[in-house]
């Protein structure tokens, strides 16, 4: 037993993946292709993708939003977990990155489940609300530019149904949020959001040390 989270050493991390990760060849190929990009650090960890899929299944989600697609690893994990008529609204600004995602969505046979919106997330979320999306979504995964997380969160909270789930990635920012010597814009934004979420009585909230830290929110 332990009174705190066990420190995840490299050997323990590898043991965890060896004994829990069910990553198929397509996802492995996508992860390896993405690793060749200069922005490869934007990729979710494979265990995060598996957790997202499980959260979709646990929540019995039918309508999902992803804010920040990159090359589509997390999209595939969530879309596969959706029922046949489930829909994932994928929001991103990059034609280059999402062209990789679309190629793998096609290989995975999930294109019909995904609606890709190429525009700034601030516009996409507002437009979804204007089109009557308030309270209509079961699960939302937020993994976009961190400086605007607070804006995205407020709009995602409106879009999410009561009892729905919001997942926010990169809450740890490689540990920088806990370093008092670091005061850049992203770190300040993440610290402010964490404080806000802890005090926000509209939600139930916790953080889990998976990947780069994930905030898990259940809307009341």
C-alpha atoms as a PDB file:
ATOM      1  CA  UNK A   1       0.000   0.000   0.000  1.00  0.00           C
ATOM      2  CA  UNK A   2       1.035   3.610  -0.495  1.00  0.00           C
ATOM      3  CA  UNK A   3      -0.187   6.953   0.767  1.00  0.00           C
ATOM      4  CA  UNK A   4       0.904   8.712  -2.425  1.00  0.00           C
ATOM      5  CA  UNK A   5       1.252   8.007  -6.137  1.00  0.00           C
ATOM      6  CA  UNK A   6       4.152   5.691  -6.872  1.00  0.00           C
ATOM      7  CA  UNK A   7       6.960   7.436  -8.757  1.00  0.00           C
ATOM      8  CA  UNK A   8       6.948   6.242 -12.353  1.00  0.00           C
ATOM      9  CA  UNK A   9      10.516   5.270 -13.188  1.00  0.00           C
ATOM     10  CA  UNK A  10      11.417   4.325 -16.764  1.00  0.00           C
ATOM     11  CA  UNK A  11      11.524   0.634 -15.886  1.00  0.00           C
ATOM     12  CA  UNK A  12       8.124   0.799 -14.162  1.00  0.00           C
ATOM     13  CA  UNK A  13       6.682   2.758 -17.086  1.00  0.00           C
ATOM     14  CA  UNK A  14       7.920   0.126 -19.542  1.00  0.00           C
ATOM     15  CA  UNK A  15       6.516  -2.629 -17.317  1.00  0.00           C
ATOM     16  CA  UNK A  16       3.152  -0.853 -17.263  1.00  0.00           C
ATOM     17  CA  UNK A  17       3.046  -0.607 -21.060  1.00  0.00           C
ATOM     18  CA  UNK A  18       4.178  -4.212 -21.486  1.00  0.00           C
ATOM     19  CA  UNK A  19       1.402  -5.401 -19.219  1.00  0.00           C
ATOM     20  CA  UNK A  20      -1.484  -3.124 -20.180  1.00  0.00           C
ATOM     21  CA  UNK A  21      -1.091  -1.435 -23.574  1.00  0.00           C
ATOM     22  CA  UNK A  22      -3.204  -2.904 -26.379  1.00  0.00           C
ATOM     23  CA  UNK A  23      -1.840  -0.800 -29.219  1.00  0.00           C
ATOM     24  CA  UNK A  24      -2.480  -2.340 -32.628  1.00  0.00           C
ATOM     25  CA  UNK A  25      -0.211  -2.051 -35.661  1.00  0.00           C
ATOM     26  CA  UNK A  26      -2.062   0.927 -37.167  1.00  0.00           C
ATOM     27  CA  UNK A  27      -1.717   3.032 -34.028  1.00  0.00           C
ATOM     28  CA  UNK A  28       1.912   1.992 -33.688  1.00  0.00           C
ATOM     29  CA  UNK A  29       2.593   3.058 -37.287  1.00  0.00           C
ATOM     30  CA  UNK A  30       0.927   6.417 -36.683  1.00  0.00           C
ATOM     31  CA  UNK A  31       2.930   6.979 -33.518  1.00  0.00           C
ATOM     32  CA  UNK A  32       6.175   6.113 -35.306  1.00  0.00           C
ATOM     33  CA  UNK A  33       5.370   8.388 -38.267  1.00  0.00           C
ATOM     34  CA  UNK A  34       4.468  11.242 -35.930  1.00  0.00           C
ATOM     35  CA  UNK A  35       7.749  10.753 -34.055  1.00  0.00           C
ATOM     36  CA  UNK A  36       9.566  11.926 -37.197  1.00  0.00           C
ATOM     37  CA  UNK A  37       7.923  15.365 -37.041  1.00  0.00           C
ATOM     38  CA  UNK A  38       9.600  18.310 -35.342  1.00  0.00           C
ATOM     39  CA  UNK A  39       6.408  18.740 -33.292  1.00  0.00           C
ATOM     40  CA  UNK A  40       6.376  15.096 -32.170  1.00  0.00           C
ATOM     41  CA  UNK A  41       6.130  16.090 -28.499  1.00  0.00           C
ATOM     42  CA  UNK A  42       2.515  17.151 -29.205  1.00  0.00           C
ATOM     43  CA  UNK A  43       1.545  13.488 -29.593  1.00  0.00           C
ATOM     44  CA  UNK A  44      -0.452  11.941 -26.755  1.00  0.00           C
ATOM     45  CA  UNK A  45       1.146   8.997 -25.015  1.00  0.00           C
ATOM     46  CA  UNK A  46      -0.292   5.625 -26.046  1.00  0.00           C
ATOM     47  CA  UNK A  47      -1.647   4.940 -22.575  1.00  0.00           C
ATOM     48  CA  UNK A  48      -3.549   8.231 -22.781  1.00  0.00           C
ATOM     49  CA  UNK A  49      -5.210   7.082 -25.980  1.00  0.00           C
ATOM     50  CA  UNK A  50      -6.232   3.839 -24.298  1.00  0.00           C
ATOM     51  CA  UNK A  51      -7.628   5.749 -21.304  1.00  0.00           C
ATOM     52  CA  UNK A  52      -9.605   8.072 -23.588  1.00  0.00           C
ATOM     53  CA  UNK A  53     -11.133   5.081 -25.338  1.00  0.00           C
ATOM     54  CA  UNK A  54     -12.145   3.585 -21.998  1.00  0.00           C
ATOM     55  CA  UNK A  55     -13.709   6.878 -20.867  1.00  0.00           C
ATOM     56  CA  UNK A  56     -15.778   6.967 -24.064  1.00  0.00           C
ATOM     57  CA  UNK A  57     -16.937   3.429 -23.344  1.00  0.00           C
ATOM     58  CA  UNK A  58     -17.615   4.009 -19.636  1.00  0.00           C
ATOM     59  CA  UNK A  59     -19.646   7.143 -20.351  1.00  0.00           C
ATOM     60  CA  UNK A  60     -21.504   5.451 -23.238  1.00  0.00           C
ATOM     61  CA  UNK A  61     -20.695   8.559 -25.252  1.00  0.00           C
ATOM     62  CA  UNK A  62     -22.323   9.095 -28.627  1.00  0.00           C
ATOM     63  CA  UNK A  63     -21.230  12.679 -29.292  1.00  0.00           C
ATOM     64  CA  UNK A  64     -17.616  13.692 -28.664  1.00  0.00           C
ATOM     65  CA  UNK A  65     -15.558  16.833 -29.331  1.00  0.00           C
ATOM     66  CA  UNK A  66     -11.796  16.875 -29.685  1.00  0.00           C
ATOM     67  CA  UNK A  67     -10.107  20.275 -29.510  1.00  0.00           C
ATOM     68  CA  UNK A  68      -6.645  19.773 -30.999  1.00  0.00           C
ATOM     69  CA  UNK A  69      -6.315  16.811 -33.353  1.00  0.00           C
ATOM     70  CA  UNK A  70      -2.639  16.868 -34.405  1.00  0.00           C
ATOM     71  CA  UNK A  71      -2.031  13.636 -36.380  1.00  0.00           C
ATOM     72  CA  UNK A  72      -5.089  11.815 -35.107  1.00  0.00           C
ATOM     73  CA  UNK A  73      -3.919   9.229 -32.562  1.00  0.00           C
ATOM     74  CA  UNK A  74      -6.421  10.223 -29.887  1.00  0.00           C
ATOM     75  CA  UNK A  75      -9.146  10.673 -32.521  1.00  0.00           C
ATOM     76  CA  UNK A  76      -8.749   7.067 -33.615  1.00  0.00           C
ATOM     77  CA  UNK A  77      -8.843   5.795 -30.042  1.00  0.00           C
ATOM     78  CA  UNK A  78     -12.037   7.684 -29.226  1.00  0.00           C
ATOM     79  CA  UNK A  79     -13.812   7.144 -32.554  1.00  0.00           C
ATOM     80  CA  UNK A  80     -13.205   3.405 -32.410  1.00  0.00           C
ATOM     81  CA  UNK A  81     -14.828   3.330 -28.974  1.00  0.00           C
ATOM     82  CA  UNK A  82     -17.936   5.148 -30.208  1.00  0.00           C
ATOM     83  CA  UNK A  83     -20.993   3.189 -31.350  1.00  0.00           C
ATOM     84  CA  UNK A  84     -21.570   2.872 -35.103  1.00  0.00           C
ATOM     85  CA  UNK A  85     -23.706   6.023 -35.224  1.00  0.00           C
ATOM     86  CA  UNK A  86     -21.491   7.963 -32.835  1.00  0.00           C
ATOM     87  CA  UNK A  87     -19.870  11.200 -34.006  1.00  0.00           C
ATOM     88  CA  UNK A  88     -16.586  12.869 -33.122  1.00  0.00           C
ATOM     89  CA  UNK A  89     -16.270  16.555 -33.958  1.00  0.00           C
ATOM     90  CA  UNK A  90     -12.532  17.125 -34.473  1.00  0.00           C
ATOM     91  CA  UNK A  91     -11.279  20.724 -34.283  1.00  0.00           C
ATOM     92  CA  UNK A  92      -7.851  21.820 -35.497  1.00  0.00           C
ATOM     93  CA  UNK A  93      -6.191  24.576 -37.548  1.00  0.00           C
ATOM     94  CA  UNK A  94      -3.539  22.600 -39.404  1.00  0.00           C
ATOM     95  CA  UNK A  95      -4.189  21.141 -42.833  1.00  0.00           C
ATOM     96  CA  UNK A  96      -0.717  19.579 -42.740  1.00  0.00           C
ATOM     97  CA  UNK A  97      -1.150  17.671 -39.487  1.00  0.00           C
ATOM     98  CA  UNK A  98      -4.754  16.669 -40.091  1.00  0.00           C
ATOM     99  CA  UNK A  99      -3.859  15.341 -43.540  1.00  0.00           C
ATOM    100  CA  UNK A 100      -1.899  12.664 -41.691  1.00  0.00           C
ATOM    101  CA  UNK A 101      -4.882  12.128 -39.380  1.00  0.00           C
ATOM    102  CA  UNK A 102      -7.302  11.766 -42.290  1.00  0.00           C
ATOM    103  CA  UNK A 103      -5.058   9.176 -43.921  1.00  0.00           C
ATOM    104  CA  UNK A 104      -5.054   7.066 -40.775  1.00  0.00           C
ATOM    105  CA  UNK A 105      -8.766   7.608 -40.116  1.00  0.00           C
ATOM    106  CA  UNK A 106      -9.358   6.109 -43.548  1.00  0.00           C
ATOM    107  CA  UNK A 107      -7.104   3.138 -42.766  1.00  0.00           C
ATOM    108  CA  UNK A 108      -8.921   2.634 -39.475  1.00  0.00           C
ATOM    109  CA  UNK A 109     -12.318   2.699 -41.214  1.00  0.00           C
ATOM    110  CA  UNK A 110     -13.697   5.458 -38.964  1.00  0.00           C
ATOM    111  CA  UNK A 111     -13.973   8.394 -41.382  1.00  0.00           C
ATOM    112  CA  UNK A 112     -17.771   8.293 -41.279  1.00  0.00           C
ATOM    113  CA  UNK A 113     -17.681   8.878 -37.526  1.00  0.00           C
ATOM    114  CA  UNK A 114     -15.540  12.046 -37.719  1.00  0.00           C
ATOM    115  CA  UNK A 115     -16.449  15.596 -38.674  1.00  0.00           C
ATOM    116  CA  UNK A 116     -13.262  17.659 -39.084  1.00  0.00           C
ATOM    117  CA  UNK A 117     -13.498  21.429 -38.598  1.00  0.00           C
ATOM    118  CA  UNK A 118     -10.442  23.391 -39.747  1.00  0.00           C
ATOM    119  CA  UNK A 119     -10.547  26.759 -38.003  1.00  0.00           C
ATOM    120  CA  UNK A 120      -9.300  28.325 -34.754  1.00  0.00           C
ATOM    121  CA  UNK A 121     -10.821  26.485 -31.816  1.00  0.00           C
ATOM    122  CA  UNK A 122     -12.154  29.727 -30.362  1.00  0.00           C
ATOM    123  CA  UNK A 123     -14.307  30.109 -33.483  1.00  0.00           C
ATOM    124  CA  UNK A 124     -15.228  26.425 -33.778  1.00  0.00           C
ATOM    125  CA  UNK A 125     -16.551  26.151 -30.227  1.00  0.00           C
ATOM    126  CA  UNK A 126     -18.571  29.356 -30.537  1.00  0.00           C
ATOM    127  CA  UNK A 127     -20.052  28.120 -33.810  1.00  0.00           C
ATOM    128  CA  UNK A 128     -21.023  24.785 -32.257  1.00  0.00           C
ATOM    129  CA  UNK A 129     -22.894  26.681 -29.543  1.00  0.00           C
ATOM    130  CA  UNK A 130     -24.556  28.946 -32.087  1.00  0.00           C
ATOM    131  CA  UNK A 131     -25.753  25.852 -33.965  1.00  0.00           C
ATOM    132  CA  UNK A 132     -27.580  24.589 -30.880  1.00  0.00           C
ATOM    133  CA  UNK A 133     -24.850  22.430 -29.363  1.00  0.00           C
ATOM    134  CA  UNK A 134     -25.290  23.589 -25.771  1.00  0.00           C
ATOM    135  CA  UNK A 135     -25.511  20.591 -23.455  1.00  0.00           C
ATOM    136  CA  UNK A 136     -25.451  18.117 -26.341  1.00  0.00           C
ATOM    137  CA  UNK A 137     -22.009  16.495 -26.015  1.00  0.00           C
ATOM    138  CA  UNK A 138     -21.138  13.522 -23.847  1.00  0.00           C
ATOM    139  CA  UNK A 139     -17.345  13.832 -23.757  1.00  0.00           C
ATOM    140  CA  UNK A 140     -14.824  16.510 -24.746  1.00  0.00           C
ATOM    141  CA  UNK A 141     -11.048  16.155 -24.999  1.00  0.00           C
ATOM    142  CA  UNK A 142      -9.152  19.454 -24.835  1.00  0.00           C
ATOM    143  CA  UNK A 143      -5.568  19.408 -26.102  1.00  0.00           C
ATOM    144  CA  UNK A 144      -4.904  22.703 -27.902  1.00  0.00           C
ATOM    145  CA  UNK A 145      -2.935  25.901 -27.212  1.00  0.00           C
ATOM    146  CA  UNK A 146      -2.590  26.209 -23.474  1.00  0.00           C
ATOM    147  CA  UNK A 147      -2.793  29.992 -23.232  1.00  0.00           C
ATOM    148  CA  UNK A 148      -6.450  29.822 -24.293  1.00  0.00           C
ATOM    149  CA  UNK A 149      -7.432  26.864 -22.129  1.00  0.00           C
ATOM    150  CA  UNK A 150      -9.658  28.975 -19.875  1.00  0.00           C
ATOM    151  CA  UNK A 151     -11.672  30.254 -22.860  1.00  0.00           C
ATOM    152  CA  UNK A 152     -11.949  26.748 -24.297  1.00  0.00           C
ATOM    153  CA  UNK A 153     -12.937  25.303 -20.941  1.00  0.00           C
ATOM    154  CA  UNK A 154     -15.832  27.718 -20.461  1.00  0.00           C
ATOM    155  CA  UNK A 155     -17.191  26.971 -23.925  1.00  0.00           C
ATOM    156  CA  UNK A 156     -16.644  23.228 -23.546  1.00  0.00           C
ATOM    157  CA  UNK A 157     -18.538  23.352 -20.254  1.00  0.00           C
ATOM    158  CA  UNK A 158     -21.500  24.892 -22.086  1.00  0.00           C
ATOM    159  CA  UNK A 159     -21.340  22.261 -24.824  1.00  0.00           C
ATOM    160  CA  UNK A 160     -21.030  19.359 -22.390  1.00  0.00           C
ATOM    161  CA  UNK A 161     -24.190  17.768 -21.019  1.00  0.00           C
ATOM    162  CA  UNK A 162     -24.862  17.385 -17.302  1.00  0.00           C
ATOM    163  CA  UNK A 163     -23.054  14.201 -16.290  1.00  0.00           C
ATOM    164  CA  UNK A 164     -20.694  14.543 -19.258  1.00  0.00           C
ATOM    165  CA  UNK A 165     -16.910  14.373 -19.125  1.00  0.00           C
ATOM    166  CA  UNK A 166     -14.229  16.900 -20.087  1.00  0.00           C
ATOM    167  CA  UNK A 167     -10.594  15.817 -20.226  1.00  0.00           C
ATOM    168  CA  UNK A 168      -7.858  18.464 -20.299  1.00  0.00           C
ATOM    169  CA  UNK A 169      -4.362  17.422 -21.364  1.00  0.00           C
ATOM    170  CA  UNK A 170      -0.915  18.772 -20.370  1.00  0.00           C
ATOM    171  CA  UNK A 171      -1.852  19.967 -16.895  1.00  0.00           C
ATOM    172  CA  UNK A 172       1.700  19.209 -15.702  1.00  0.00           C
ATOM    173  CA  UNK A 173       3.535  20.826 -18.645  1.00  0.00           C
ATOM    174  CA  UNK A 174       6.503  18.538 -18.140  1.00  0.00           C
ATOM    175  CA  UNK A 175       6.577  19.415 -14.435  1.00  0.00           C
ATOM    176  CA  UNK A 176       7.066  23.145 -15.002  1.00  0.00           C
ATOM    177  CA  UNK A 177       3.820  24.072 -13.249  1.00  0.00           C
ATOM    178  CA  UNK A 178       5.379  22.964  -9.940  1.00  0.00           C
ATOM    179  CA  UNK A 179       8.631  24.867 -10.486  1.00  0.00           C
ATOM    180  CA  UNK A 180       8.436  28.292  -8.764  1.00  0.00           C
ATOM    181  CA  UNK A 181      11.276  29.524 -10.974  1.00  0.00           C
ATOM    182  CA  UNK A 182       9.159  29.149 -14.114  1.00  0.00           C
ATOM    183  CA  UNK A 183       6.782  32.019 -14.862  1.00  0.00           C
ATOM    184  CA  UNK A 184       6.142  31.883 -18.617  1.00  0.00           C
ATOM    185  CA  UNK A 185       2.718  32.512 -20.148  1.00  0.00           C
ATOM    186  CA  UNK A 186       1.775  28.863 -20.585  1.00  0.00           C
ATOM    187  CA  UNK A 187       2.721  27.901 -17.042  1.00  0.00           C
ATOM    188  CA  UNK A 188       0.794  30.852 -15.607  1.00  0.00           C
ATOM    189  CA  UNK A 189      -2.252  29.872 -17.669  1.00  0.00           C
ATOM    190  CA  UNK A 190      -2.135  26.266 -16.499  1.00  0.00           C
ATOM    191  CA  UNK A 191      -1.657  27.201 -12.844  1.00  0.00           C
ATOM    192  CA  UNK A 192      -4.562  29.630 -13.051  1.00  0.00           C
ATOM    193  CA  UNK A 193      -6.787  27.027 -14.686  1.00  0.00           C
ATOM    194  CA  UNK A 194      -5.905  24.385 -12.094  1.00  0.00           C
ATOM    195  CA  UNK A 195      -6.812  26.762  -9.277  1.00  0.00           C
ATOM    196  CA  UNK A 196     -10.053  27.644 -11.033  1.00  0.00           C
ATOM    197  CA  UNK A 197     -11.041  24.026 -11.622  1.00  0.00           C
ATOM    198  CA  UNK A 198     -10.366  23.065  -8.017  1.00  0.00           C
ATOM    199  CA  UNK A 199     -12.731  25.795  -6.821  1.00  0.00           C
ATOM    200  CA  UNK A 200     -15.360  25.420  -9.566  1.00  0.00           C
ATOM    201  CA  UNK A 201     -18.556  24.118  -7.967  1.00  0.00           C
ATOM    202  CA  UNK A 202     -20.145  23.485 -11.374  1.00  0.00           C
ATOM    203  CA  UNK A 203     -18.007  20.360 -11.721  1.00  0.00           C
ATOM    204  CA  UNK A 204     -16.353  17.439  -9.988  1.00  0.00           C
ATOM    205  CA  UNK A 205     -12.612  17.580 -10.682  1.00  0.00           C
ATOM    206  CA  UNK A 206      -9.443  15.575 -10.231  1.00  0.00           C
ATOM    207  CA  UNK A 207      -6.038  15.266 -11.874  1.00  0.00           C
ATOM    208  CA  UNK A 208      -4.383  12.010 -12.852  1.00  0.00           C
ATOM    209  CA  UNK A 209      -0.631  11.590 -13.490  1.00  0.00           C
ATOM    210  CA  UNK A 210      -1.041   9.964 -16.903  1.00  0.00           C
ATOM    211  CA  UNK A 211       1.049  11.285 -19.793  1.00  0.00           C
ATOM    212  CA  UNK A 212       1.736  14.953 -19.105  1.00  0.00           C
ATOM    213  CA  UNK A 213      -1.024  15.150 -16.508  1.00  0.00           C
ATOM    214  CA  UNK A 214      -4.709  14.991 -17.338  1.00  0.00           C
ATOM    215  CA  UNK A 215      -7.501  16.982 -15.723  1.00  0.00           C
ATOM    216  CA  UNK A 216     -10.706  14.931 -15.439  1.00  0.00           C
ATOM    217  CA  UNK A 217     -13.948  16.858 -15.105  1.00  0.00           C
ATOM    218  CA  UNK A 218     -17.472  15.604 -14.512  1.00  0.00           C
ATOM    219  CA  UNK A 219     -20.075  18.281 -15.149  1.00  0.00           C
ATOM    220  CA  UNK A 220     -22.750  18.437 -12.446  1.00  0.00           C
END
